[in-house]
Amino acid sequence: MTTLEFVASDTTPPPPAESKMTHRDFAWHRMDTDKNLMVINSILLFEGPLDVGRLVSTIAHRLPNYPRFTQKVVTRWGQPRWIEDTQFDILSHIQLETLGAHVNDSELRQRLTEMAHLPLVPDRPLWHMSVIDQAGTGYAIVFRVHHCITDGLGLIHVLNHLTDDNDNHGKVPAVAEHPHRARVTPQTVCSRLAQFVSWVKIAAHVTRLSLLWPDARTRLKQRLTGAKQLVWLPPLELERVRMISKRMGVTLNDIWVAAVSGALRQYLGELGESIDARPIRAAVTFNLREKTNAFQLGNEFGLVALDLPTNVCGARQRLVEASQRMNAIKRSHQPQATMAFLSIAGSLPRRLQHFALNLFTSKGSVVLTNIEGPARPRYLAGSKMTDLICWVPQAGMMGVGFAFISYAGQIQLALSVDTDLVQFPERLMALTYAAFARLDQDTRMRSVDGCALHPEATQGLHGALPARTFKEMH
C-alpha cells in the first residue's frame, strides 16, 4: 500500500446540514449479516498508465458533491440520521495497492473476492476505493458502496459525475447532470381515491408475498456459510442482444431472465437435480425512480418475486414465458409492495426486521439485477474506462446473485455466490454466457429444441467459450 497525498481546495462548499434517513435506507443499513454484506461491489478497468495525483484530486473534488459520501449514519432518539463526518478524510477512503509487476485476471478476481468479505468501517462514510496498479491494460478501481447510500441507478449517476466523456478534462466536473444543479422531477399526482386503491393493492401484494410457499429445495437453497466468490467473463456485444429483443418483441431484461433460467436449468441438470418439477424463484430488481431524480441517491426500487422458467424446455419458449411473466408483474403493484415492505421493515426493531427479511427471502433462491450503464466510453482523470462490472448483494437467506450491466456497446455479466451453494461458479457463469448465444441461435432459426441437456451454443455473441461438462472439468 502506498501513502497518498492530497491538498484540499479553498472552494470546497460548506458541509450540508444533517438530514433524516428514510426507513427504507435504514433497512438496508441494518441488513448486513456475517453471511451477507449489503455492499455493492464494482470494478472499473482503465487503460494507460496510472496518474495517482490526478486521479485522487479528481475524485476528491467530485465525489463530495453527493453529501452521502461525506456523511455517516447515527441514530438519535431511535431515529436514523445522516450527519456530516467531521473527521472525514478522502485519503482514508482511497487505497493504492500494488499486487505485483502485472496483475492478471485470476489475481484480480482473487483480490476482489477477498475485499468482498470485508465490512466497511461503520463509524465513517460507508464507501471505499482500492486502486490496483498494473491490472489489465492499465489499472483497476474496486469501488465498494453500502447499499444504504444508493441503488444501481444512483450509482451510475455517481459514476457519470466522476467521469468525463473525453480525456481532456481534469478535476473539474461537467455542468451536465451535476448534483448541485439538478432539479427533482415531481411524481404524477393522483386523486385520494386512486391513492387509496393503490395502497389496498400494495397491502394485498405484501400479504400474498408473505404467504408464498418457500422456493424449491435445490442445492441453491441451503444454509449459507458466508464464503463468497465473485466471477465475471468477457463482455457480450450489446447490439447482438438487442437484435434478439427486436426479433421477439421483448425487453433486454426479459432476455436476461430467460438466459439465467436456461443456465440454472443446465447447471442443476448436470449435477443430477430434478429440473422439471417446480420453477426456481428469483428476486428481480425493479426500478421505481425517475432517472432524472437519480442524483438524490437512496433506494427507489422494488424486488419482485418471479418464478423463473427453469422448468420450461427450449430457449425460445423460456424467453416467451419470461416476457409474459415480467409483463404481468409490470401491470401489478408488486414492485411498490416490496418497496413498502422495506420501508416498514426499517421502522421495526432490528430483530423483527431480520425475521421479516428472512421470511421474505426464504421465498427465493437467486437475485437478478439489470443496470443500464453509460452508453458511451467514459474517462476518469484522462484514462479511458474500458470495462464496468458490478455485483449485486444478496440479502437474508439468498446466496446467489446475477448482475447484468451495459456499458459503451457491451454487456457485462457478473456472478456472486456463496460457495457452498454454487461450488462451480465459473461453470454457471459460462452457462449463462452460452445461454445468450443459444437464444440468438434459436430465435434466428425459430427452432424448438428438446428437453434433454445440450451442449451450449457458445459461438456468436463474442467468440467461443469452452463447452465442457463437469466430468470433463473434474
Protein backbone atom coordinates (compact mmCIF):
# COMPACT_ATOMS: atom_id res chain seq x y z
CA MET A 1 0.00 0.00 0.00
CA THR A 2 1.27 3.44 -0.94
CA THR A 3 0.62 6.63 1.05
CA LEU A 4 -1.45 9.15 -0.90
CA GLU A 5 -1.35 12.91 -0.60
CA PHE A 6 -3.99 15.48 -1.42
CA VAL A 7 -4.36 19.22 -0.83
CA ALA A 8 -7.94 20.39 -0.31
CA SER A 9 -9.40 23.16 -2.45
CA ASP A 10 -10.24 26.55 -0.94
CA THR A 11 -13.54 26.48 -2.82
CA THR A 12 -14.89 23.39 -1.10
CA PRO A 13 -18.60 24.05 -0.30
CA PRO A 14 -19.69 24.08 3.34
CA PRO A 15 -20.87 20.73 4.70
CA PRO A 16 -24.63 20.13 4.39
CA ALA A 17 -26.86 20.05 7.43
CA GLU A 18 -27.77 16.67 8.84
CA SER A 19 -30.86 15.03 7.39
CA LYS A 20 -33.28 12.30 8.27
CA MET A 21 -32.56 8.84 6.84
CA THR A 22 -35.52 7.11 5.21
CA HIS A 23 -36.77 3.94 6.87
CA ARG A 24 -36.12 2.12 3.59
CA ASP A 25 -32.45 3.13 3.51
CA PHE A 26 -32.19 2.32 7.22
CA ALA A 27 -33.48 -1.17 6.45
CA TRP A 28 -30.61 -1.63 4.00
CA HIS A 29 -28.19 -0.18 6.56
CA ARG A 30 -29.18 -2.81 9.14
CA MET A 31 -29.33 -5.69 6.65
CA ASP A 32 -25.66 -6.68 7.00
CA THR A 33 -25.05 -10.14 8.44
CA ASP A 34 -21.95 -12.29 8.78
CA LYS A 35 -23.25 -14.29 5.77
CA ASN A 36 -24.27 -11.39 3.51
CA LEU A 37 -22.87 -7.85 3.42
CA MET A 38 -25.08 -5.21 1.85
CA VAL A 39 -22.23 -3.73 -0.17
CA ILE A 40 -22.38 -3.08 -3.91
CA ASN A 41 -19.02 -4.25 -5.25
CA SER A 42 -17.93 -2.88 -8.60
CA ILE A 43 -14.72 -2.80 -10.56
CA LEU A 44 -13.72 -0.16 -13.12
CA LEU A 45 -10.92 -1.09 -15.55
CA PHE A 46 -8.85 1.60 -17.26
CA GLU A 47 -6.25 1.61 -20.00
CA GLY A 48 -3.00 3.50 -19.86
CA PRO A 49 -0.62 4.47 -17.02
CA LEU A 50 -1.90 5.46 -13.59
CA ASP A 51 -1.54 9.13 -12.61
CA VAL A 52 -2.25 8.82 -8.87
CA GLY A 53 -2.20 12.53 -8.08
CA ARG A 54 -4.62 13.47 -10.84
CA LEU A 55 -6.89 10.53 -10.02
CA VAL A 56 -7.16 11.30 -6.30
CA SER A 57 -7.60 15.02 -6.94
CA THR A 58 -10.44 14.37 -9.39
CA ILE A 59 -12.26 12.02 -7.01
CA ALA A 60 -11.74 14.37 -4.06
CA HIS A 61 -13.28 17.32 -5.92
CA ARG A 62 -16.21 15.42 -7.41
CA LEU A 63 -17.44 12.69 -5.06
CA PRO A 64 -18.21 15.03 -2.11
CA ASN A 65 -20.75 16.79 -4.34
CA TYR A 66 -23.00 13.98 -3.11
CA PRO A 67 -23.45 14.57 0.66
CA ARG A 68 -23.87 10.85 1.38
CA PHE A 69 -20.18 10.28 0.62
CA THR A 70 -19.06 12.60 3.43
CA GLN A 71 -21.76 11.64 5.92
CA LYS A 72 -22.14 8.77 8.36
CA VAL A 73 -25.20 7.17 9.92
CA VAL A 74 -26.17 7.80 13.54
CA THR A 75 -29.32 7.02 15.50
CA ARG A 76 -30.80 9.72 17.75
CA TRP A 77 -33.86 9.05 19.90
CA GLY A 78 -34.47 5.95 17.82
CA GLN A 79 -34.41 7.88 14.52
CA PRO A 80 -31.65 7.25 11.95
CA ARG A 81 -29.96 10.34 10.54
CA TRP A 82 -27.23 11.28 8.08
CA ILE A 83 -24.70 13.59 9.75
CA GLU A 84 -21.50 15.12 8.43
CA ASP A 85 -18.37 13.22 9.42
CA THR A 86 -16.29 16.00 10.98
CA GLN A 87 -13.21 13.74 10.75
CA PHE A 88 -13.76 12.97 7.06
CA ASP A 89 -10.54 12.42 5.14
CA ILE A 90 -10.77 11.40 1.49
CA LEU A 91 -7.44 9.58 1.79
CA SER A 92 -8.85 7.18 4.37
CA HIS A 93 -11.29 6.01 1.69
CA ILE A 94 -8.84 5.62 -1.21
CA GLN A 95 -6.13 2.99 -1.02
CA LEU A 96 -3.41 2.36 -3.60
CA GLU A 97 -2.38 -1.28 -4.00
CA THR A 98 0.43 -2.84 -5.99
CA LEU A 99 -0.11 -6.58 -6.12
CA GLY A 100 2.80 -7.38 -8.42
CA ALA A 101 4.61 -6.44 -11.60
CA HIS A 102 1.42 -7.18 -13.54
CA VAL A 103 -1.95 -8.33 -12.21
CA ASN A 104 -3.67 -10.96 -14.33
CA ASP A 105 -7.42 -11.69 -14.29
CA SER A 106 -7.06 -14.56 -11.84
CA GLU A 107 -5.14 -12.43 -9.32
CA LEU A 108 -7.58 -9.57 -9.74
CA ARG A 109 -10.53 -11.90 -9.17
CA GLN A 110 -8.90 -13.32 -6.06
CA ARG A 111 -8.22 -9.86 -4.62
CA LEU A 112 -11.74 -8.71 -5.39
CA THR A 113 -13.19 -11.77 -3.68
CA GLU A 114 -11.06 -11.07 -0.60
CA MET A 115 -12.38 -7.50 -0.45
CA ALA A 116 -15.98 -8.67 -0.80
CA HIS A 117 -15.69 -10.40 2.60
CA LEU A 118 -14.63 -7.19 4.38
CA PRO A 119 -17.27 -4.96 6.02
CA LEU A 120 -16.96 -1.21 5.56
CA VAL A 121 -15.83 0.82 8.58
CA PRO A 122 -19.12 1.60 10.39
CA ASP A 123 -18.29 4.93 12.06
CA ARG A 124 -17.46 6.84 8.90
CA PRO A 125 -18.96 7.28 5.37
CA LEU A 126 -19.79 3.84 4.01
CA TRP A 127 -17.69 3.59 0.86
CA HIS A 128 -14.15 2.69 -0.16
CA MET A 129 -11.97 2.64 -3.28
CA SER A 130 -8.97 0.41 -3.88
CA VAL A 131 -6.78 1.46 -6.81
CA ILE A 132 -4.85 -1.52 -8.21
CA ASP A 133 -1.97 -0.58 -10.47
CA GLN A 134 -0.83 -2.60 -13.49
CA ALA A 135 -4.11 -4.50 -13.91
CA GLY A 136 -5.15 -5.43 -17.43
CA THR A 137 -4.01 -2.78 -19.92
CA GLY A 138 -3.71 -0.14 -17.22
CA TYR A 139 -5.19 -0.11 -13.74
CA ALA A 140 -8.37 -1.00 -11.85
CA ILE A 141 -10.52 0.66 -9.21
CA VAL A 142 -12.57 -1.51 -6.88
CA PHE A 143 -15.42 0.75 -5.76
CA ARG A 144 -17.40 -0.53 -2.76
CA VAL A 145 -20.55 1.34 -1.67
CA HIS A 146 -23.00 0.31 1.01
CA HIS A 147 -26.49 -0.23 -0.35
CA CYS A 148 -27.98 2.23 2.16
CA ILE A 149 -26.28 5.05 0.20
CA THR A 150 -27.79 4.25 -3.16
CA ASP A 151 -29.14 1.70 -5.60
CA GLY A 152 -27.84 0.78 -9.06
CA LEU A 153 -29.36 3.77 -10.87
CA GLY A 154 -27.92 6.17 -8.31
CA LEU A 155 -24.52 4.52 -8.56
CA ILE A 156 -24.49 5.08 -12.33
CA HIS A 157 -25.27 8.77 -11.73
CA VAL A 158 -22.27 8.95 -9.39
CA LEU A 159 -20.00 7.25 -11.93
CA ASN A 160 -21.16 9.61 -14.68
CA HIS A 161 -20.35 12.59 -12.44
CA LEU A 162 -16.94 11.21 -11.51
CA THR A 163 -16.01 10.66 -15.16
CA ASP A 164 -15.97 12.65 -18.41
CA ASP A 165 -16.99 11.95 -21.99
CA ASN A 166 -13.43 12.61 -23.26
CA ASP A 167 -9.86 12.61 -21.99
CA ASN A 168 -9.38 16.40 -21.92
CA HIS A 169 -10.91 17.14 -18.52
CA GLY A 170 -9.17 17.30 -15.20
CA LYS A 171 -10.65 17.55 -11.74
CA VAL A 172 -13.49 19.97 -12.61
CA PRO A 173 -16.72 18.07 -13.44
CA ALA A 174 -19.01 18.84 -16.33
CA VAL A 175 -22.06 21.02 -15.65
CA ALA A 176 -24.44 18.47 -17.19
CA GLU A 177 -26.14 16.32 -14.52
CA HIS A 178 -24.17 17.99 -11.74
CA PRO A 179 -25.96 17.03 -8.48
CA HIS A 180 -25.88 20.65 -7.26
CA ARG A 181 -27.70 21.84 -10.38
CA ALA A 182 -30.20 19.00 -10.75
CA ARG A 183 -33.89 19.54 -10.03
CA VAL A 184 -36.34 16.96 -8.72
CA THR A 185 -38.89 15.76 -11.26
CA PRO A 186 -42.26 15.69 -9.48
CA GLN A 187 -44.21 12.44 -9.41
CA THR A 188 -47.64 12.27 -11.01
CA VAL A 189 -50.31 13.50 -8.57
CA CYS A 190 -53.15 11.02 -8.09
CA SER A 191 -56.55 11.53 -6.55
CA ARG A 192 -57.10 10.41 -2.98
CA LEU A 193 -59.34 7.61 -4.20
CA ALA A 194 -56.66 6.37 -6.62
CA GLN A 195 -54.05 6.53 -3.85
CA PHE A 196 -56.33 4.55 -1.52
CA VAL A 197 -56.94 1.87 -4.15
CA SER A 198 -53.19 1.72 -4.84
CA TRP A 199 -52.35 1.18 -1.17
CA VAL A 200 -55.01 -1.53 -0.86
CA LYS A 201 -53.39 -3.35 -3.79
CA ILE A 202 -49.94 -2.88 -2.26
CA ALA A 203 -51.15 -4.32 1.06
CA ALA A 204 -52.67 -7.28 -0.77
CA HIS A 205 -49.38 -7.98 -2.54
CA VAL A 206 -47.39 -7.77 0.72
CA THR A 207 -49.79 -10.30 2.25
CA ARG A 208 -49.58 -12.58 -0.78
CA LEU A 209 -45.77 -12.49 -0.79
CA SER A 210 -45.62 -13.35 2.91
CA LEU A 211 -47.86 -16.37 2.31
CA LEU A 212 -45.94 -17.76 -0.68
CA TRP A 213 -44.55 -21.24 -0.28
CA PRO A 214 -40.76 -21.33 0.18
CA ASP A 215 -38.82 -21.85 -3.01
CA ALA A 216 -38.00 -25.26 -4.48
CA ARG A 217 -35.47 -27.11 -2.33
CA THR A 218 -32.44 -27.34 -4.62
CA ARG A 219 -28.75 -27.07 -3.80
CA LEU A 220 -29.21 -23.30 -4.32
CA LYS A 221 -31.43 -23.23 -1.23
CA GLN A 222 -29.12 -24.48 1.51
CA ARG A 223 -27.70 -22.92 4.66
CA LEU A 224 -25.26 -20.09 3.89
CA THR A 225 -21.64 -20.15 5.07
CA GLY A 226 -20.65 -16.61 4.11
CA ALA A 227 -17.76 -17.76 1.91
CA LYS A 228 -18.15 -15.76 -1.31
CA GLN A 229 -16.74 -15.90 -4.79
CA LEU A 230 -17.12 -13.21 -7.45
CA VAL A 231 -16.89 -14.18 -11.11
CA TRP A 232 -17.08 -12.40 -14.45
CA LEU A 233 -16.37 -13.15 -18.10
CA PRO A 234 -15.53 -11.08 -21.21
CA PRO A 235 -18.42 -8.81 -22.27
CA LEU A 236 -21.15 -9.58 -24.79
CA GLU A 237 -21.98 -7.36 -27.75
CA LEU A 238 -24.98 -5.23 -26.82
CA GLU A 239 -26.19 -4.90 -30.40
CA ARG A 240 -26.45 -8.68 -30.83
CA VAL A 241 -28.61 -8.92 -27.72
CA ARG A 242 -30.73 -6.04 -28.98
CA MET A 243 -31.34 -7.98 -32.19
CA ILE A 244 -32.86 -10.80 -30.13
CA SER A 245 -35.06 -8.19 -28.46
CA LYS A 246 -36.25 -6.81 -31.81
CA ARG A 247 -36.87 -10.25 -33.32
CA MET A 248 -39.02 -11.36 -30.41
CA GLY A 249 -40.58 -8.06 -29.32
CA VAL A 250 -39.23 -8.39 -25.77
CA THR A 251 -37.04 -6.30 -23.48
CA LEU A 252 -33.37 -6.78 -22.66
CA ASN A 253 -34.41 -7.68 -19.13
CA ASP A 254 -36.68 -10.44 -20.49
CA ILE A 255 -33.69 -11.87 -22.35
CA TRP A 256 -31.59 -11.63 -19.19
CA VAL A 257 -34.22 -13.52 -17.17
CA ALA A 258 -34.51 -16.21 -19.86
CA ALA A 259 -30.72 -16.62 -20.14
CA VAL A 260 -30.27 -17.04 -16.37
CA SER A 261 -33.16 -19.52 -16.33
CA GLY A 262 -31.53 -21.60 -19.05
CA ALA A 263 -28.16 -21.52 -17.30
CA LEU A 264 -29.65 -22.62 -13.96
CA ARG A 265 -31.57 -25.41 -15.68
CA GLN A 266 -28.44 -26.71 -17.39
CA TYR A 267 -26.25 -26.31 -14.29
CA LEU A 268 -28.60 -28.12 -11.92
CA GLY A 269 -29.35 -30.78 -14.52
CA GLU A 270 -25.66 -31.59 -14.89
CA LEU A 271 -25.50 -32.05 -11.12
CA GLY A 272 -28.38 -34.52 -11.21
CA GLU A 273 -31.04 -32.19 -9.79
CA SER A 274 -34.69 -32.50 -10.79
CA ILE A 275 -35.32 -29.52 -13.06
CA ASP A 276 -38.85 -30.09 -14.36
CA ALA A 277 -40.95 -30.33 -11.19
CA ARG A 278 -41.00 -26.74 -9.88
CA PRO A 279 -39.58 -23.45 -11.17
CA ILE A 280 -36.86 -21.69 -9.22
CA ARG A 281 -38.00 -18.35 -7.83
CA ALA A 282 -35.88 -15.22 -8.14
CA ALA A 283 -35.96 -11.76 -6.58
CA VAL A 284 -35.66 -9.39 -9.55
CA THR A 285 -34.92 -5.70 -9.02
CA PHE A 286 -37.49 -3.29 -10.48
CA ASN A 287 -36.69 0.44 -10.71
CA LEU A 288 -39.39 2.82 -9.44
CA ARG A 289 -37.45 6.08 -9.74
CA GLU A 290 -37.47 8.77 -12.40
CA LYS A 291 -33.99 8.71 -13.97
CA THR A 292 -33.70 12.48 -13.59
CA ASN A 293 -34.01 12.04 -9.80
CA ALA A 294 -31.10 9.59 -9.52
CA PHE A 295 -28.86 12.37 -8.14
CA GLN A 296 -30.79 12.11 -4.86
CA LEU A 297 -29.30 8.62 -4.32
CA GLY A 298 -31.08 6.43 -1.77
CA ASN A 299 -33.09 3.35 -2.77
CA GLU A 300 -36.11 3.62 -5.01
CA PHE A 301 -36.75 0.13 -6.31
CA GLY A 302 -38.78 -2.95 -5.57
CA LEU A 303 -37.81 -6.61 -5.55
CA VAL A 304 -40.35 -8.74 -7.40
CA ALA A 305 -40.77 -12.46 -6.77
CA LEU A 306 -40.56 -14.11 -10.18
CA ASP A 307 -40.96 -17.80 -10.99
CA LEU A 308 -38.13 -18.31 -13.46
CA PRO A 309 -38.99 -20.57 -16.42
CA THR A 310 -36.30 -23.06 -15.34
CA ASN A 311 -38.74 -25.94 -15.87
CA VAL A 312 -39.55 -24.92 -19.46
CA CYS A 313 -37.95 -26.77 -22.37
CA GLY A 314 -36.37 -24.79 -25.17
CA ALA A 315 -34.57 -21.47 -25.09
CA ARG A 316 -37.11 -19.66 -27.27
CA GLN A 317 -40.06 -20.83 -25.19
CA ARG A 318 -38.28 -19.80 -21.98
CA LEU A 319 -37.91 -16.31 -23.44
CA VAL A 320 -41.62 -16.15 -24.27
CA GLU A 321 -42.51 -17.29 -20.75
CA ALA A 322 -40.08 -14.86 -19.14
CA SER A 323 -41.55 -11.94 -21.09
CA GLN A 324 -45.12 -12.88 -20.21
CA ARG A 325 -44.33 -13.21 -16.50
CA MET A 326 -42.42 -9.92 -16.38
CA ASN A 327 -45.25 -8.12 -18.19
CA ALA A 328 -47.73 -9.46 -15.64
CA ILE A 329 -45.58 -8.07 -12.82
CA LYS A 330 -45.30 -4.68 -14.52
CA ARG A 331 -49.11 -4.46 -14.56
CA SER A 332 -49.29 -5.30 -10.87
CA HIS A 333 -48.38 -3.40 -7.70
CA GLN A 334 -45.84 -5.97 -6.60
CA PRO A 335 -42.76 -3.71 -7.06
CA GLN A 336 -44.39 -0.97 -4.95
CA ALA A 337 -45.39 -3.60 -2.39
CA THR A 338 -41.84 -4.80 -1.79
CA MET A 339 -40.56 -1.24 -1.58
CA ALA A 340 -43.25 -0.55 1.03
CA PHE A 341 -42.23 -3.75 2.82
CA LEU A 342 -38.66 -2.44 3.13
CA SER A 343 -39.92 0.87 4.50
CA ILE A 344 -41.95 -0.97 7.12
CA ALA A 345 -39.00 -3.24 7.95
CA GLY A 346 -36.79 -0.20 8.53
CA SER A 347 -39.15 1.07 11.21
CA LEU A 348 -39.14 -2.22 13.15
CA PRO A 349 -36.67 -3.25 15.85
CA ARG A 350 -33.59 -4.90 14.35
CA ARG A 351 -34.55 -8.45 15.39
CA LEU A 352 -38.02 -8.11 13.88
CA GLN A 353 -36.52 -6.68 10.69
CA HIS A 354 -34.23 -9.70 10.31
CA PHE A 355 -37.14 -12.07 11.00
CA ALA A 356 -39.29 -10.34 8.36
CA LEU A 357 -36.42 -10.29 5.88
CA ASN A 358 -35.68 -14.00 6.35
CA LEU A 359 -39.38 -14.74 5.87
CA PHE A 360 -39.34 -12.81 2.60
CA THR A 361 -36.03 -14.15 1.25
CA SER A 362 -36.98 -17.75 2.03
CA LYS A 363 -39.34 -17.44 -0.95
CA GLY A 364 -36.49 -17.22 -3.48
CA SER A 365 -33.08 -18.67 -4.36
CA VAL A 366 -31.36 -16.07 -6.52
CA VAL A 367 -31.22 -12.30 -7.05
CA LEU A 368 -31.22 -10.77 -10.53
CA THR A 369 -30.44 -7.17 -11.38
CA ASN A 370 -30.19 -5.31 -14.66
CA ILE A 371 -28.40 -1.94 -14.72
CA GLU A 372 -28.26 0.47 -17.65
CA GLY A 373 -24.79 1.96 -17.63
CA PRO A 374 -23.25 4.77 -19.73
CA ALA A 375 -23.91 4.35 -23.45
CA ARG A 376 -20.55 5.85 -24.48
CA PRO A 377 -16.99 5.40 -23.18
CA ARG A 378 -16.14 7.42 -20.06
CA TYR A 379 -12.80 8.83 -18.87
CA LEU A 380 -11.54 9.35 -15.34
CA ALA A 381 -8.60 11.71 -14.83
CA GLY A 382 -7.73 11.31 -18.51
CA SER A 383 -7.81 7.49 -18.57
CA LYS A 384 -10.39 5.63 -20.65
CA MET A 385 -12.63 3.22 -18.76
CA THR A 386 -12.67 0.00 -20.77
CA ASP A 387 -14.91 -2.13 -18.56
CA LEU A 388 -17.52 -1.61 -15.84
CA ILE A 389 -18.61 -4.62 -13.77
CA CYS A 390 -20.98 -4.72 -10.78
CA TRP A 391 -22.07 -7.43 -8.37
CA VAL A 392 -25.45 -7.39 -6.68
CA PRO A 393 -25.57 -8.11 -2.92
CA GLN A 394 -27.76 -10.93 -1.66
CA ALA A 395 -29.87 -10.50 1.46
CA GLY A 396 -31.25 -12.74 4.16
CA MET A 397 -31.28 -16.40 3.14
CA MET A 398 -30.24 -15.95 -0.51
CA GLY A 399 -26.68 -16.62 -1.63
CA VAL A 400 -26.64 -16.33 -5.44
CA GLY A 401 -26.69 -13.01 -7.32
CA PHE A 402 -26.59 -12.37 -11.07
CA ALA A 403 -25.86 -8.87 -12.41
CA PHE A 404 -26.16 -7.54 -15.96
CA ILE A 405 -24.80 -4.07 -16.75
CA SER A 406 -24.50 -2.34 -20.09
CA TYR A 407 -21.59 -0.06 -20.90
CA ALA A 408 -20.37 1.53 -24.14
CA GLY A 409 -21.94 -1.00 -26.52
CA GLN A 410 -21.24 -4.07 -24.43
CA ILE A 411 -22.92 -6.09 -21.71
CA GLN A 412 -21.01 -7.36 -18.72
CA LEU A 413 -22.29 -10.38 -16.81
CA ALA A 414 -21.23 -10.92 -13.21
CA LEU A 415 -21.98 -13.57 -10.61
CA SER A 416 -21.62 -13.57 -6.83
CA VAL A 417 -22.21 -16.81 -4.94
CA ASP A 418 -21.96 -18.44 -1.57
CA THR A 419 -19.51 -21.21 -2.47
CA ASP A 420 -21.38 -23.90 -0.53
CA LEU A 421 -24.42 -23.28 -2.73
CA VAL A 422 -22.55 -23.00 -6.03
CA GLN A 423 -19.32 -24.99 -5.97
CA PHE A 424 -18.59 -24.34 -9.65
CA PRO A 425 -19.37 -20.63 -10.21
CA GLU A 426 -17.19 -20.42 -13.33
CA ARG A 427 -19.29 -23.18 -14.90
CA LEU A 428 -22.55 -21.41 -14.04
CA MET A 429 -21.17 -18.15 -15.41
CA ALA A 430 -20.09 -19.84 -18.65
CA LEU A 431 -23.54 -21.42 -18.99
CA THR A 432 -25.18 -18.01 -18.55
CA TYR A 433 -22.91 -16.58 -21.22
CA ALA A 434 -23.73 -19.50 -23.51
CA ALA A 435 -27.46 -19.11 -22.91
CA PHE A 436 -27.37 -15.76 -24.73
CA ALA A 437 -25.81 -17.45 -27.74
CA ARG A 438 -28.45 -20.21 -27.59
CA LEU A 439 -31.19 -17.57 -27.57
CA ASP A 440 -29.55 -15.80 -30.51
CA GLN A 441 -29.40 -19.05 -32.45
CA ASP A 442 -32.89 -20.31 -31.62
CA THR A 443 -34.66 -17.01 -32.24
CA ARG A 444 -32.98 -16.66 -35.63
CA MET A 445 -33.81 -20.22 -36.65
CA ARG A 446 -37.17 -20.23 -34.83
CA SER A 447 -36.33 -23.75 -33.76
CA VAL A 448 -37.57 -25.51 -30.66
CA ASP A 449 -35.08 -27.81 -29.00
CA GLY A 450 -35.94 -30.76 -26.81
CA CYS A 451 -35.86 -31.20 -23.07
CA ALA A 452 -32.56 -33.04 -22.89
CA LEU A 453 -29.47 -31.25 -21.64
CA HIS A 454 -27.48 -29.97 -24.59
CA PRO A 455 -24.00 -28.61 -25.28
CA GLU A 456 -24.03 -24.83 -25.09
CA ALA A 457 -24.12 -22.65 -28.17
CA THR A 458 -21.00 -20.73 -27.28
CA GLN A 459 -20.28 -19.11 -30.63
CA GLY A 460 -21.64 -15.88 -32.00
CA LEU A 461 -22.03 -13.14 -29.39
CA HIS A 462 -18.40 -12.51 -28.58
CA GLY A 463 -16.47 -15.61 -29.58
CA ALA A 464 -16.22 -19.13 -28.32
CA LEU A 465 -16.21 -20.40 -24.77
CA PRO A 466 -15.35 -23.99 -23.89
CA ALA A 467 -18.47 -26.15 -23.68
CA ARG A 468 -17.15 -28.54 -21.03
CA THR A 469 -19.23 -30.70 -18.74
CA PHE A 470 -18.48 -31.38 -15.07
CA LYS A 471 -16.99 -34.77 -15.94
CA GLU A 472 -14.51 -33.08 -18.26
CA MET A 473 -13.72 -30.35 -15.72
CA HIS A 474 -13.31 -32.60 -12.73
